[in-house]
Amino acid sequence: MIGKSQSEPEPISSVEALEILEDRKKEGELAYEQQLAYEHAKKFAKLSKEKAEKLEKELQELGIGKKLAKKIIDIMPINDLQLKQVLVFEKRSFDEQTISKVMETLNAYRK
C-alpha cells in the first residue's frame, strides 16, 4: 500500500488472544486457524485478564520490558531456572535479587 507505514506489531498474551477470539466467536464461526488458536489459548491461558494486566504492570515496575512481561505471563515459570531461561531473550542481564522478586510476584498470582 502506497503511503502507508506499517508499525511494529504489539505483542499480546494468551489471555488477551483468548478474549479477542471469544469476541470473534460470538460474531460468527471462526476460521480453522482461529479455532486452533482459540483452543490453544483456552488450554494454556493461566490467569484472568484482570490478573494478567495487574501482573504485567508489576513486572514492568521490576524492570521487565512489556514484551518479556507478556511472555513470562504466558509461561508462568515455576522456578528460578525456568525464569532465567525466559529472561535470556532480554538483551541485558538480571541480578539474583530481581529474579527472586519476579518469582515472588509470580508465586503471589499463582495461588
C-alpha atoms as a PDB file:
ATOM      1  CA  MET A   1       0.000   0.000   0.000  1.00  0.00           C
ATOM      2  CA  ILE A   2       1.497   3.235  -1.116  1.00  0.00           C
ATOM      3  CA  GLY A   3       1.913   5.858   1.558  1.00  0.00           C
ATOM      4  CA  LYS A   4       1.022   3.635   4.490  1.00  0.00           C
ATOM      5  CA  SER A   5       3.644   2.828   7.049  1.00  0.00           C
ATOM      6  CA  GLN A   6       3.450  -0.377   8.986  1.00  0.00           C
ATOM      7  CA  SER A   7       4.055  -0.104  12.689  1.00  0.00           C
ATOM      8  CA  GLU A   8       5.641  -2.872  14.697  1.00  0.00           C
ATOM      9  CA  PRO A   9       3.063  -5.401  15.878  1.00  0.00           C
ATOM     10  CA  GLU A  10       2.061  -5.157  19.522  1.00  0.00           C
ATOM     11  CA  PRO A  11       2.676  -8.405  21.431  1.00  0.00           C
ATOM     12  CA  ILE A  12      -0.272  -9.868  23.291  1.00  0.00           C
ATOM     13  CA  SER A  13      -0.516 -12.571  25.916  1.00  0.00           C
ATOM     14  CA  SER A  14      -2.525 -15.776  25.631  1.00  0.00           C
ATOM     15  CA  VAL A  15      -5.159 -14.234  27.892  1.00  0.00           C
ATOM     16  CA  GLU A  16      -5.622 -11.277  25.539  1.00  0.00           C
ATOM     17  CA  ALA A  17      -5.675 -13.578  22.489  1.00  0.00           C
ATOM     18  CA  LEU A  18      -8.343 -15.697  24.154  1.00  0.00           C
ATOM     19  CA  GLU A  19     -10.517 -12.650  24.797  1.00  0.00           C
ATOM     20  CA  ILE A  20     -10.175 -11.433  21.191  1.00  0.00           C
ATOM     21  CA  LEU A  21     -11.021 -14.859  19.815  1.00  0.00           C
ATOM     22  CA  GLU A  22     -14.010 -15.237  22.163  1.00  0.00           C
ATOM     23  CA  ASP A  23     -15.362 -11.910  20.876  1.00  0.00           C
ATOM     24  CA  ARG A  24     -14.918 -13.064  17.271  1.00  0.00           C
ATOM     25  CA  LYS A  25     -16.557 -16.385  18.080  1.00  0.00           C
ATOM     26  CA  LYS A  26     -19.649 -14.534  19.323  1.00  0.00           C
ATOM     27  CA  GLU A  27     -19.837 -12.702  15.977  1.00  0.00           C
ATOM     28  CA  GLY A  28     -19.722 -15.913  13.960  1.00  0.00           C
ATOM     29  CA  GLU A  29     -17.846 -19.073  13.189  1.00  0.00           C
ATOM     30  CA  LEU A  30     -14.058 -18.968  13.492  1.00  0.00           C
ATOM     31  CA  ALA A  31     -11.796 -19.943  10.605  1.00  0.00           C
ATOM     32  CA  TYR A  32      -9.759 -23.134  11.020  1.00  0.00           C
ATOM     33  CA  GLU A  33      -6.586 -21.329  12.158  1.00  0.00           C
ATOM     34  CA  GLN A  34      -8.559 -19.116  14.512  1.00  0.00           C
ATOM     35  CA  GLN A  35     -10.246 -22.167  16.035  1.00  0.00           C
ATOM     36  CA  LEU A  36      -6.849 -23.790  16.629  1.00  0.00           C
ATOM     37  CA  ALA A  37      -5.546 -20.589  18.211  1.00  0.00           C
ATOM     38  CA  TYR A  38      -8.700 -20.348  20.352  1.00  0.00           C
ATOM     39  CA  GLU A  39      -8.318 -23.918  21.625  1.00  0.00           C
ATOM     40  CA  HIS A  40      -4.628 -23.341  22.367  1.00  0.00           C
ATOM     41  CA  ALA A  41      -5.263 -20.082  24.227  1.00  0.00           C
ATOM     42  CA  LYS A  42      -8.149 -21.651  26.154  1.00  0.00           C
ATOM     43  CA  LYS A  43      -5.925 -24.532  27.227  1.00  0.00           C
ATOM     44  CA  PHE A  44      -2.845 -22.512  28.183  1.00  0.00           C
ATOM     45  CA  ALA A  45      -4.144 -19.164  29.483  1.00  0.00           C
ATOM     46  CA  LYS A  46      -3.330 -19.387  33.180  1.00  0.00           C
ATOM     47  CA  LEU A  47      -4.763 -16.137  34.552  1.00  0.00           C
ATOM     48  CA  SER A  48      -7.810 -13.956  34.108  1.00  0.00           C
ATOM     49  CA  LYS A  49      -7.384 -10.804  32.015  1.00  0.00           C
ATOM     50  CA  GLU A  50      -7.529  -8.550  35.070  1.00  0.00           C
ATOM     51  CA  LYS A  51      -4.866 -10.532  36.918  1.00  0.00           C
ATOM     52  CA  ALA A  52      -2.671 -10.697  33.817  1.00  0.00           C
ATOM     53  CA  GLU A  53      -2.838  -6.917  33.346  1.00  0.00           C
ATOM     54  CA  LYS A  54      -2.042  -6.293  37.003  1.00  0.00           C
ATOM     55  CA  LEU A  55       0.843  -8.780  36.908  1.00  0.00           C
ATOM     56  CA  GLU A  56       2.200  -7.164  33.731  1.00  0.00           C
ATOM     57  CA  LYS A  57       2.291  -3.755  35.450  1.00  0.00           C
ATOM     58  CA  GLU A  58       4.077  -5.226  38.466  1.00  0.00           C
ATOM     59  CA  LEU A  59       6.650  -6.948  36.265  1.00  0.00           C
ATOM     60  CA  GLN A  60       7.278  -3.709  34.376  1.00  0.00           C
ATOM     61  CA  GLU A  61       7.853  -1.943  37.695  1.00  0.00           C
ATOM     62  CA  LEU A  62      10.580  -4.516  38.372  1.00  0.00           C
ATOM     63  CA  GLY A  63      12.340  -3.504  35.141  1.00  0.00           C
ATOM     64  CA  ILE A  64      10.946  -6.176  32.823  1.00  0.00           C
ATOM     65  CA  GLY A  65      10.003  -4.953  29.336  1.00  0.00           C
ATOM     66  CA  LYS A  66       6.428  -5.185  28.071  1.00  0.00           C
ATOM     67  CA  LYS A  67       7.126  -7.923  25.516  1.00  0.00           C
ATOM     68  CA  LEU A  68       9.073 -10.035  28.006  1.00  0.00           C
ATOM     69  CA  ALA A  69       6.447  -9.480  30.720  1.00  0.00           C
ATOM     70  CA  LYS A  70       3.770 -10.903  28.419  1.00  0.00           C
ATOM     71  CA  LYS A  71       5.969 -13.925  27.659  1.00  0.00           C
ATOM     72  CA  ILE A  72       6.541 -14.513  31.398  1.00  0.00           C
ATOM     73  CA  ILE A  73       2.777 -14.319  31.993  1.00  0.00           C
ATOM     74  CA  ASP A  74       2.183 -16.875  29.230  1.00  0.00           C
ATOM     75  CA  ILE A  75       4.756 -19.301  30.612  1.00  0.00           C
ATOM     76  CA  MET A  76       4.406 -18.612  34.374  1.00  0.00           C
ATOM     77  CA  PRO A  77       7.786 -20.178  35.239  1.00  0.00           C
ATOM     78  CA  ILE A  78       7.719 -22.256  38.421  1.00  0.00           C
ATOM     79  CA  ASN A  79      11.355 -21.839  39.488  1.00  0.00           C
ATOM     80  CA  ASP A  80      14.402 -19.619  39.022  1.00  0.00           C
ATOM     81  CA  LEU A  81      15.901 -21.804  36.316  1.00  0.00           C
ATOM     82  CA  GLN A  82      12.812 -21.577  34.098  1.00  0.00           C
ATOM     83  CA  LEU A  83      12.623 -17.826  34.675  1.00  0.00           C
ATOM     84  CA  LYS A  84      16.292 -17.397  33.727  1.00  0.00           C
ATOM     85  CA  GLN A  85      15.653 -19.324  30.512  1.00  0.00           C
ATOM     86  CA  VAL A  86      12.916 -16.841  29.619  1.00  0.00           C
ATOM     87  CA  LEU A  87      14.975 -13.814  30.668  1.00  0.00           C
ATOM     88  CA  VAL A  88      17.866 -14.850  28.417  1.00  0.00           C
ATOM     89  CA  PHE A  89      15.980 -13.324  25.451  1.00  0.00           C
ATOM     90  CA  GLU A  90      16.286  -9.860  27.004  1.00  0.00           C
ATOM     91  CA  LYS A  91      19.377  -8.019  25.835  1.00  0.00           C
ATOM     92  CA  ARG A  92      20.506  -7.335  29.386  1.00  0.00           C
ATOM     93  CA  SER A  93      21.208  -9.421  32.446  1.00  0.00           C
ATOM     94  CA  PHE A  94      19.192  -9.509  35.649  1.00  0.00           C
ATOM     95  CA  ASP A  95      20.639  -9.823  39.136  1.00  0.00           C
ATOM     96  CA  GLU A  96      19.556 -12.521  41.567  1.00  0.00           C
ATOM     97  CA  GLN A  97      17.578 -10.012  43.644  1.00  0.00           C
ATOM     98  CA  THR A  98      15.414  -9.046  40.657  1.00  0.00           C
ATOM     99  CA  ILE A  99      14.916 -12.694  39.729  1.00  0.00           C
ATOM    100  CA  SER A 100      13.779 -13.533  43.263  1.00  0.00           C
ATOM    101  CA  LYS A 101      11.388 -10.536  43.281  1.00  0.00           C
ATOM    102  CA  VAL A 102       9.898 -11.664  39.964  1.00  0.00           C
ATOM    103  CA  MET A 103       9.452 -15.198  41.321  1.00  0.00           C
ATOM    104  CA  GLU A 104       7.772 -13.842  44.482  1.00  0.00           C
ATOM    105  CA  THR A 105       5.405 -11.802  42.325  1.00  0.00           C
ATOM    106  CA  LEU A 106       4.591 -14.791  40.110  1.00  0.00           C
ATOM    107  CA  ASN A 107       4.003 -17.033  43.116  1.00  0.00           C
ATOM    108  CA  ALA A 108       1.554 -14.496  44.545  1.00  0.00           C
ATOM    109  CA  TYR A 109      -0.535 -14.694  41.359  1.00  0.00           C
ATOM    110  CA  ARG A 110      -0.267 -18.460  41.087  1.00  0.00           C
ATOM    111  CA  LYS A 111      -2.483 -19.019  44.141  1.00  0.00           C
END
